N, C-alpha and C. Protein backbone atom coordinates (compact mmCIF):
# COMPACT_ATOMS: atom_id res chain seq x y z
N MET A 1 64.42 125.63 119.31
CA MET A 1 63.02 125.98 119.54
C MET A 1 62.54 125.45 120.81
N GLN A 2 61.90 126.39 121.11
CA GLN A 2 61.20 125.69 122.63
C GLN A 2 59.37 125.88 122.17
N PRO A 3 58.88 124.76 122.85
CA PRO A 3 57.43 124.93 122.75
C PRO A 3 57.37 126.44 123.03
N THR A 4 55.73 126.36 123.04
CA THR A 4 54.90 127.26 123.86
C THR A 4 53.38 127.27 123.46
N THR A 5 52.75 127.62 124.41
CA THR A 5 51.07 127.34 124.29
C THR A 5 50.47 128.63 124.29
N LYS A 6 49.87 128.54 123.15
CA LYS A 6 49.08 129.87 123.48
C LYS A 6 47.11 129.72 123.12
N ARG A 7 46.88 130.46 123.98
CA ARG A 7 45.45 130.15 123.23
C ARG A 7 45.14 131.19 122.14
N GLY A 8 43.87 130.16 121.46
CA GLY A 8 43.82 130.50 120.20
C GLY A 8 42.41 131.69 120.18
N CYS A 9 41.66 131.87 119.22
CA CYS A 9 40.32 132.43 119.12
C CYS A 9 39.04 131.90 120.11
N GLN A 10 39.39 130.50 119.88
CA GLN A 10 37.90 129.86 120.18
C GLN A 10 38.58 129.55 121.87
N GLY A 11 39.32 129.78 122.34
CA GLY A 11 40.07 129.35 123.58
C GLY A 11 41.17 127.68 123.65
N VAL A 12 41.15 127.51 122.32
CA VAL A 12 41.63 126.51 121.97
C VAL A 12 43.21 126.53 121.95
N GLU A 13 43.55 125.44 122.39
CA GLU A 13 45.32 125.91 122.85
C GLU A 13 45.94 125.28 121.65
N LYS A 14 46.78 125.97 121.08
CA LYS A 14 47.96 125.89 120.36
C LYS A 14 49.11 125.62 120.45
N ARG A 15 49.98 124.96 120.00
CA ARG A 15 51.71 124.67 120.08
C ARG A 15 52.20 125.32 118.82
N GLU A 16 53.08 126.39 119.25
CA GLU A 16 54.36 127.16 118.17
C GLU A 16 55.42 126.68 118.90
N ARG A 17 56.65 127.01 117.90
CA ARG A 17 57.53 126.92 118.02
C ARG A 17 58.60 128.45 118.28
N VAL A 18 58.70 128.96 119.28
CA VAL A 18 59.08 130.39 119.55
C VAL A 18 61.22 130.02 118.89
N LYS A 19 61.40 130.55 118.00
CA LYS A 19 63.02 130.44 117.72
C LYS A 19 63.71 131.11 118.79
N MET A 20 64.76 130.67 119.18
CA MET A 20 65.48 131.66 120.24
C MET A 20 66.60 132.13 119.43
N GLU A 21 66.93 133.28 119.92
CA GLU A 21 68.13 133.98 119.39
C GLU A 21 69.46 133.33 119.80
N PRO A 22 70.15 133.15 118.82
CA PRO A 22 71.83 132.38 119.13
C PRO A 22 72.52 133.70 120.22
N LYS A 23 72.97 132.76 120.89
CA LYS A 23 74.07 133.23 121.74
C LYS A 23 75.60 134.15 120.93
N THR A 24 75.81 135.59 121.31
CA THR A 24 76.76 136.02 120.43
C THR A 24 77.76 136.75 121.04
N TYR A 25 79.08 136.25 120.99
CA TYR A 25 80.07 137.09 121.31
C TYR A 25 80.98 137.77 120.49
N PRO A 26 81.07 139.17 120.95
CA PRO A 26 81.80 139.96 119.69
C PRO A 26 82.96 140.14 120.16
N LEU A 27 83.90 140.36 119.15
CA LEU A 27 85.57 141.00 119.22
C LEU A 27 85.14 141.95 119.88
N PHE A 28 85.71 142.09 121.06
CA PHE A 28 86.79 143.36 121.48
C PHE A 28 88.01 143.84 120.95
N MET A 29 87.93 145.17 120.04
CA MET A 29 89.00 145.95 119.77
C MET A 29 88.54 147.31 119.99
N SER A 30 88.98 147.94 120.50
CA SER A 30 89.01 149.16 120.80
C SER A 30 89.69 150.35 119.41
N PHE A 31 88.83 151.48 119.92
CA PHE A 31 89.06 152.47 118.45
C PHE A 31 90.49 152.61 117.99
N PHE A 32 91.30 152.72 118.95
CA PHE A 32 92.74 152.42 118.43
C PHE A 32 93.68 151.72 117.94
N ASP A 33 93.08 150.53 118.39
CA ASP A 33 93.24 149.24 117.59
C ASP A 33 92.57 149.41 116.25
N LYS A 34 91.67 149.67 115.84
CA LYS A 34 90.98 149.74 114.51
C LYS A 34 91.69 150.91 113.57
N VAL A 35 92.13 151.72 114.51
CA VAL A 35 92.50 153.01 113.54
C VAL A 35 94.27 152.58 113.40
N MET A 36 95.08 151.59 114.15
CA MET A 36 96.05 151.12 113.59
C MET A 36 96.05 149.85 112.52
N ILE A 37 95.11 149.62 112.73
CA ILE A 37 95.37 148.14 111.73
C ILE A 37 94.43 148.80 110.31
N PHE A 38 93.74 149.38 110.30
CA PHE A 38 93.14 149.79 109.26
C PHE A 38 93.60 151.15 108.53
N GLY A 39 93.88 152.03 109.21
CA GLY A 39 94.79 153.23 109.04
C GLY A 39 95.78 152.51 108.38
N MET A 40 96.65 151.86 108.93
CA MET A 40 98.13 151.29 108.45
C MET A 40 98.10 150.42 106.99
N LEU A 41 97.04 149.73 107.13
CA LEU A 41 96.87 149.09 105.79
C LEU A 41 96.08 149.92 104.62
N GLY A 42 95.42 150.69 105.13
CA GLY A 42 95.07 152.01 104.21
C GLY A 42 96.38 152.92 103.30
N ILE A 43 97.51 153.05 104.38
CA ILE A 43 98.66 153.82 103.96
C ILE A 43 98.99 152.76 103.09
N PHE A 44 99.67 151.89 103.56
CA PHE A 44 100.17 151.04 102.67
C PHE A 44 99.70 150.64 101.22
N THR A 45 98.09 150.63 101.08
CA THR A 45 97.81 150.50 100.20
C THR A 45 97.98 151.75 98.94
N ALA A 46 97.55 152.43 99.76
CA ALA A 46 97.51 154.09 99.00
C ALA A 46 99.40 154.02 98.62
N GLY A 47 100.58 153.75 99.34
CA GLY A 47 101.45 153.73 98.95
C GLY A 47 101.82 152.64 97.54
N GLY A 48 101.20 151.63 97.60
CA GLY A 48 101.25 150.60 96.77
C GLY A 48 100.34 151.36 95.60
N LEU A 49 99.62 151.81 95.40
CA LEU A 49 98.84 152.20 94.20
C LEU A 49 100.07 153.73 93.77
N PHE A 50 100.50 154.52 94.30
CA PHE A 50 101.49 155.57 94.03
C PHE A 50 102.59 155.05 93.40
N LEU A 51 103.25 153.36 93.80
CA LEU A 51 103.91 153.10 92.77
C LEU A 51 103.66 152.86 91.85
N LEU A 52 102.13 151.94 91.63
CA LEU A 52 102.17 151.38 90.61
C LEU A 52 101.75 151.95 89.35
N LEU A 53 101.13 153.71 89.90
CA LEU A 53 100.47 154.46 88.96
C LEU A 53 101.47 155.71 88.61
N GLY A 54 102.13 156.18 89.82
CA GLY A 54 103.23 157.19 89.70
C GLY A 54 104.43 156.98 89.08
N SER A 55 104.95 155.35 88.90
CA SER A 55 105.75 155.08 88.59
C SER A 55 106.29 155.66 87.21
N PRO A 56 105.23 155.47 85.96
CA PRO A 56 105.55 155.98 84.84
C PRO A 56 105.52 157.66 84.87
N VAL A 57 104.57 158.26 85.52
CA VAL A 57 104.28 159.67 85.56
C VAL A 57 105.18 160.42 86.17
N ILE A 58 106.07 160.25 87.42
CA ILE A 58 107.30 160.69 87.68
C ILE A 58 108.39 160.60 87.61
N PRO A 59 109.33 161.66 86.90
CA PRO A 59 110.49 161.70 86.30
C PRO A 59 111.35 161.50 87.64
N ALA A 60 112.53 160.94 87.68
CA ALA A 60 113.35 160.67 88.92
C ALA A 60 114.81 160.09 88.47
N LYS A 61 115.52 160.88 89.04
CA LYS A 61 116.89 161.28 89.20
C LYS A 61 117.72 159.61 88.03
N GLY A 62 117.36 158.77 88.68
CA GLY A 62 117.86 157.48 88.26
C GLY A 62 116.76 156.55 87.26
N GLY A 63 115.26 157.23 86.90
CA GLY A 63 114.18 156.69 86.40
C GLY A 63 113.78 156.12 87.34
N PRO A 64 112.57 155.96 87.02
CA PRO A 64 111.23 155.61 88.44
C PRO A 64 111.21 154.14 88.49
N PRO A 65 110.97 154.01 89.63
CA PRO A 65 110.76 152.09 89.97
C PRO A 65 110.10 151.16 89.22
N PRO A 66 110.03 150.44 88.74
CA PRO A 66 109.45 149.95 87.85
C PRO A 66 108.25 149.37 88.29
N MET A 67 107.41 149.14 87.51
CA MET A 67 105.98 149.29 87.66
C MET A 67 105.46 147.20 88.76
N VAL A 68 106.47 146.76 88.36
CA VAL A 68 106.56 145.52 89.23
C VAL A 68 106.58 145.59 90.59
N ILE A 69 107.55 146.37 91.12
CA ILE A 69 107.35 146.55 92.40
C ILE A 69 106.05 147.27 92.90
N GLY A 70 105.17 148.11 92.37
CA GLY A 70 103.87 148.69 92.77
C GLY A 70 103.28 147.12 92.88
N ILE A 71 103.06 146.42 91.56
CA ILE A 71 102.10 145.22 91.65
C ILE A 71 102.64 144.24 92.94
N PHE A 72 103.80 143.98 92.50
CA PHE A 72 104.79 143.10 94.28
C PHE A 72 103.96 143.87 95.08
N TRP A 73 104.25 144.90 95.50
CA TRP A 73 103.50 145.52 96.82
C TRP A 73 102.15 145.78 96.93
N LEU A 74 101.29 145.12 96.22
CA LEU A 74 100.05 145.62 95.94
C LEU A 74 99.00 144.24 96.21
N GLY A 75 100.04 143.06 95.61
CA GLY A 75 99.97 141.76 96.19
C GLY A 75 100.20 140.95 97.42
N MET A 76 101.12 141.90 98.06
CA MET A 76 101.45 141.75 99.47
C MET A 76 100.12 141.97 100.25
N VAL A 77 100.29 143.63 99.69
CA VAL A 77 99.09 144.17 101.03
C VAL A 77 97.63 143.42 100.26
N SER A 78 97.48 143.20 99.27
CA SER A 78 95.84 142.42 99.24
C SER A 78 95.71 140.97 100.11
N GLY A 79 97.09 140.71 100.38
CA GLY A 79 97.02 139.27 100.84
C GLY A 79 96.96 139.56 102.42
N VAL A 80 97.53 140.67 102.96
CA VAL A 80 97.00 141.22 104.11
C VAL A 80 95.81 141.14 104.50
N TRP A 81 95.09 141.86 103.46
CA TRP A 81 93.67 142.39 103.59
C TRP A 81 92.63 141.44 103.81
N CYS A 82 93.09 140.41 102.68
CA CYS A 82 92.35 139.37 102.83
C CYS A 82 92.02 138.50 103.87
N TRP A 83 93.86 138.43 104.76
CA TRP A 83 94.13 137.98 106.33
C TRP A 83 93.06 138.59 107.30
N ILE A 84 92.96 139.70 107.46
CA ILE A 84 92.67 140.57 108.29
C ILE A 84 90.93 140.73 108.09
N LEU A 85 90.44 140.57 106.56
CA LEU A 85 88.95 140.77 106.52
C LEU A 85 88.42 138.68 107.28
N SER A 86 89.36 138.01 106.80
CA SER A 86 88.80 136.75 107.00
C SER A 86 88.94 136.31 108.72
N ILE A 87 89.54 137.35 109.35
CA ILE A 87 89.23 136.83 110.87
C ILE A 87 88.02 137.14 111.44
N PRO A 88 87.55 135.87 112.06
CA PRO A 88 86.14 136.26 112.59
C PRO A 88 85.96 137.24 113.72
N TYR A 89 84.69 138.39 113.70
CA TYR A 89 84.49 139.24 114.40
C TYR A 89 83.32 139.01 115.24
N LYS A 90 82.65 137.86 115.23
CA LYS A 90 81.90 137.41 115.87
C LYS A 90 81.64 135.95 115.92
N ILE A 91 81.13 135.60 117.11
CA ILE A 91 80.88 134.00 117.49
C ILE A 91 79.62 134.15 117.60
N GLN A 92 78.38 132.89 116.84
CA GLN A 92 77.28 132.75 117.22
C GLN A 92 77.27 131.18 118.01
N VAL A 93 76.80 130.97 119.06
CA VAL A 93 75.95 129.93 119.11
C VAL A 93 74.77 129.49 119.12
N HIS A 94 74.38 128.73 118.57
CA HIS A 94 73.41 128.82 117.97
C HIS A 94 72.38 126.98 119.13
N GLU A 95 71.35 127.07 119.51
CA GLU A 95 70.51 126.03 120.45
C GLU A 95 70.64 124.42 119.77
N THR A 96 70.99 124.50 118.52
CA THR A 96 71.29 122.85 117.82
C THR A 96 73.05 123.01 118.11
N THR A 97 73.57 123.41 118.83
CA THR A 97 75.03 123.66 118.77
C THR A 97 75.71 123.78 117.88
N GLU A 98 75.26 124.10 116.82
CA GLU A 98 76.28 124.84 115.71
C GLU A 98 76.77 126.05 116.05
N ILE A 99 77.78 126.46 115.74
CA ILE A 99 78.92 127.36 115.70
C ILE A 99 79.43 127.80 114.77
N GLU A 100 78.76 129.43 114.55
CA GLU A 100 79.14 130.02 113.52
C GLU A 100 80.29 131.73 113.83
N PHE A 101 81.19 131.33 112.89
CA PHE A 101 82.29 132.24 112.82
C PHE A 101 81.87 133.18 111.99
N ILE A 102 81.67 134.14 112.29
CA ILE A 102 81.36 135.69 111.05
C ILE A 102 82.51 136.57 110.94
N SER A 103 83.24 136.52 109.82
CA SER A 103 84.06 137.62 109.40
C SER A 103 83.50 138.43 108.32
N ARG A 104 84.28 139.42 107.90
CA ARG A 104 83.72 140.11 106.98
C ARG A 104 83.49 139.73 105.43
N MET A 105 84.36 138.36 105.17
CA MET A 105 84.61 137.75 103.96
C MET A 105 83.78 136.80 103.75
N ARG A 106 83.15 136.07 104.91
CA ARG A 106 82.92 134.36 104.84
C ARG A 106 82.05 134.24 105.86
N ARG A 107 81.27 133.19 106.37
CA ARG A 107 80.73 132.65 107.65
C ARG A 107 80.98 130.91 107.32
N ARG A 108 81.64 130.65 108.77
CA ARG A 108 81.97 129.39 108.83
C ARG A 108 81.35 128.96 109.80
N GLY A 109 80.33 127.95 109.73
CA GLY A 109 79.59 127.08 110.47
C GLY A 109 80.34 125.46 110.72
N ILE A 110 80.01 125.11 112.26
CA ILE A 110 80.55 123.63 112.35
C ILE A 110 80.15 123.47 113.66
N LYS A 111 79.55 122.59 113.82
CA LYS A 111 79.03 121.96 114.98
C LYS A 111 79.82 121.79 115.91
N ALA A 112 79.44 121.78 117.62
CA ALA A 112 80.36 121.51 118.96
C ALA A 112 81.00 120.43 118.93
N MET A 113 80.71 119.27 118.39
CA MET A 113 80.93 117.83 118.59
C MET A 113 82.20 118.02 117.49
N GLU A 114 82.25 118.38 116.27
CA GLU A 114 83.13 118.76 115.18
C GLU A 114 84.98 119.22 115.75
N ILE A 115 84.75 119.91 116.95
CA ILE A 115 85.69 120.45 117.55
C ILE A 115 86.72 119.76 118.61
N GLN A 116 88.12 119.62 118.03
CA GLN A 116 89.43 118.55 118.20
C GLN A 116 89.52 119.52 118.98
N SER A 117 90.07 120.67 119.09
CA SER A 117 90.80 121.52 120.10
C SER A 117 90.90 122.49 119.93
N ILE A 118 91.34 123.37 120.55
CA ILE A 118 91.24 124.88 120.90
C ILE A 118 92.49 125.26 121.54
N LYS A 119 93.23 126.23 120.88
CA LYS A 119 94.79 125.87 121.37
C LYS A 119 95.45 127.87 121.21
N PRO A 120 96.70 127.71 121.65
CA PRO A 120 96.76 129.28 121.28
C PRO A 120 97.95 128.78 119.94
N GLU A 121 97.78 129.97 118.74
CA GLU A 121 98.41 129.66 117.98
C GLU A 121 100.03 129.54 118.42
N ARG A 122 101.21 129.13 117.94
CA ARG A 122 102.74 128.80 118.27
C ARG A 122 103.01 129.85 117.80
N SER A 123 103.23 130.39 116.51
CA SER A 123 103.98 131.42 116.11
C SER A 123 103.32 132.90 116.28
N GLN A 124 101.98 133.12 116.45
CA GLN A 124 101.48 134.30 117.06
C GLN A 124 100.90 134.56 117.92
N PHE A 125 101.08 135.93 118.85
CA PHE A 125 101.12 135.97 120.30
C PHE A 125 99.41 136.88 120.33
N GLY A 126 98.28 136.25 120.96
CA GLY A 126 97.23 136.80 121.35
C GLY A 126 95.96 135.45 120.10
N PHE A 127 96.65 135.16 119.76
CA PHE A 127 95.60 134.52 118.39
C PHE A 127 95.57 132.57 118.81
N LEU A 128 94.14 132.06 119.04
CA LEU A 128 93.78 130.86 118.82
C LEU A 128 93.56 130.40 117.91
N VAL A 129 94.11 128.93 117.88
CA VAL A 129 93.55 128.00 116.22
C VAL A 129 92.69 127.29 116.76
N ILE A 130 91.24 127.19 116.53
CA ILE A 130 90.14 125.94 116.74
C ILE A 130 90.14 125.11 115.96
N ARG A 131 90.94 123.74 116.01
CA ARG A 131 91.08 122.99 114.87
C ARG A 131 89.61 121.71 114.89
N HIS A 132 89.22 121.28 114.13
CA HIS A 132 87.99 120.56 113.96
C HIS A 132 87.81 119.50 112.90
N THR A 133 87.08 119.00 112.33
CA THR A 133 87.01 117.66 111.64
C THR A 133 87.78 118.23 110.22
N GLY A 134 86.92 119.36 109.82
CA GLY A 134 86.82 120.20 108.58
C GLY A 134 88.03 120.74 108.30
N GLY A 135 88.97 121.29 109.45
CA GLY A 135 90.23 122.07 109.03
C GLY A 135 90.14 122.91 110.45
N LYS A 136 90.56 124.12 110.15
CA LYS A 136 91.12 124.88 111.47
C LYS A 136 90.37 126.13 111.06
N ILE A 137 90.56 127.20 112.20
CA ILE A 137 89.71 128.68 112.13
C ILE A 137 90.78 129.17 113.19
N LYS A 138 91.16 130.30 112.54
CA LYS A 138 92.12 131.33 113.46
C LYS A 138 91.37 132.44 113.96
N ILE A 139 91.16 132.46 115.29
CA ILE A 139 90.75 134.00 115.86
C ILE A 139 91.50 134.45 116.75
N LEU A 140 91.27 135.85 117.18
CA LEU A 140 91.51 136.72 117.96
C LEU A 140 91.20 136.36 119.55
N ASN A 141 92.28 136.32 120.31
CA ASN A 141 91.71 135.91 121.37
C ASN A 141 91.36 137.05 122.46
N GLN A 142 90.02 137.73 121.98
CA GLN A 142 89.43 139.04 122.51
C GLN A 142 88.12 138.97 122.63
N PHE A 143 87.33 137.97 122.39
CA PHE A 143 85.86 137.96 122.45
C PHE A 143 85.38 138.19 124.07
N ASP A 144 84.55 139.21 123.96
CA ASP A 144 83.59 139.13 125.18
C ASP A 144 82.82 138.00 125.47
N GLY A 145 83.12 137.67 126.68
CA GLY A 145 82.40 136.47 127.29
C GLY A 145 82.73 135.14 126.69
N PHE A 146 84.15 134.98 126.47
CA PHE A 146 84.53 133.89 125.66
C PHE A 146 84.90 132.95 126.38
N HIS A 147 84.88 132.88 128.18
CA HIS A 147 84.97 131.81 129.34
C HIS A 147 83.50 131.21 128.99
N GLU A 148 82.61 131.77 128.69
CA GLU A 148 81.30 131.39 128.55
C GLU A 148 81.22 130.54 127.23
N PHE A 149 81.55 130.94 126.47
CA PHE A 149 81.73 130.13 125.01
C PHE A 149 82.38 129.05 125.30
N ILE A 150 83.78 128.82 125.63
CA ILE A 150 84.62 127.83 126.10
C ILE A 150 83.72 126.93 127.01
N ALA A 151 82.94 126.73 128.13
CA ALA A 151 81.98 126.37 128.82
C ALA A 151 81.23 125.68 127.74
N ASP A 152 80.33 126.43 126.75
CA ASP A 152 79.48 125.88 126.20
C ASP A 152 80.14 124.80 125.25
N VAL A 153 81.11 125.00 124.91
CA VAL A 153 81.81 123.71 123.66
C VAL A 153 82.04 122.82 124.83
N LYS A 154 82.55 122.85 125.92
CA LYS A 154 83.29 121.55 126.77
C LYS A 154 82.25 120.89 127.31
N ARG A 155 80.90 121.36 127.37
CA ARG A 155 79.87 121.22 127.86
C ARG A 155 79.26 120.26 126.60
N ASN A 156 79.38 120.54 125.72
CA ASN A 156 78.42 119.84 124.59
C ASN A 156 79.56 118.85 123.61
N ASN A 157 81.30 119.10 124.13
CA ASN A 157 81.55 118.11 123.91
C ASN A 157 83.06 118.12 124.54
N PRO A 158 82.66 117.25 125.37
CA PRO A 158 83.73 116.58 126.66
C PRO A 158 85.41 116.41 126.27
N SER A 159 85.04 116.08 124.87
CA SER A 159 86.46 115.52 124.66
C SER A 159 87.30 116.61 123.79
N VAL A 160 87.04 117.53 123.90
CA VAL A 160 87.26 118.76 123.21
C VAL A 160 88.99 119.05 123.98
N GLU A 161 89.75 119.37 123.34
CA GLU A 161 91.39 119.50 123.93
C GLU A 161 91.56 120.90 124.25
N LEU A 162 91.32 121.68 125.57
CA LEU A 162 91.57 122.99 125.43
C LEU A 162 93.01 123.35 126.64
N ARG A 163 93.74 124.07 125.72
CA ARG A 163 95.15 124.95 126.37
C ARG A 163 95.23 126.11 126.09
N GLY A 164 95.42 126.88 127.03
CA GLY A 164 96.16 128.26 127.23
C GLY A 164 94.53 129.20 126.72
N CYS A 165 93.40 128.71 127.34
CA CYS A 165 92.13 129.80 127.14
C CYS A 165 91.45 129.35 128.38
């Protein structure tokens, strides 16, 4: 917060703190990307529900597929839904050097000094892993203004290891 000076009713100066808005870095995803990801997951979810609910109803030549397949399929799709919804879609950097990674499922906040490294994920193209003292955060490498974010992190934590970003 930055102090500002205001004149009161009697001409007496008052000092107030003005809260500054955090810097925000949104995830860039085209409409096509959103349709592909959420459309395909919707189709897979509907297929799993069909396997689960339709197997006892629909007669088949050799018998319906067991409900276990529907349960297994929905379990797998649920895991993918959780993974997709936990990927941050917004990064906010507050003036206190706290960095907040916001996803649809949760918010994770860390200090810039806690970040140890930012590197590409070895097994997945297009993802970065931010390792910090409390664990790691996996993000897509498609944030608007990401170079500015990297510069802020490096300025507040010169010991951070940067690779491929």
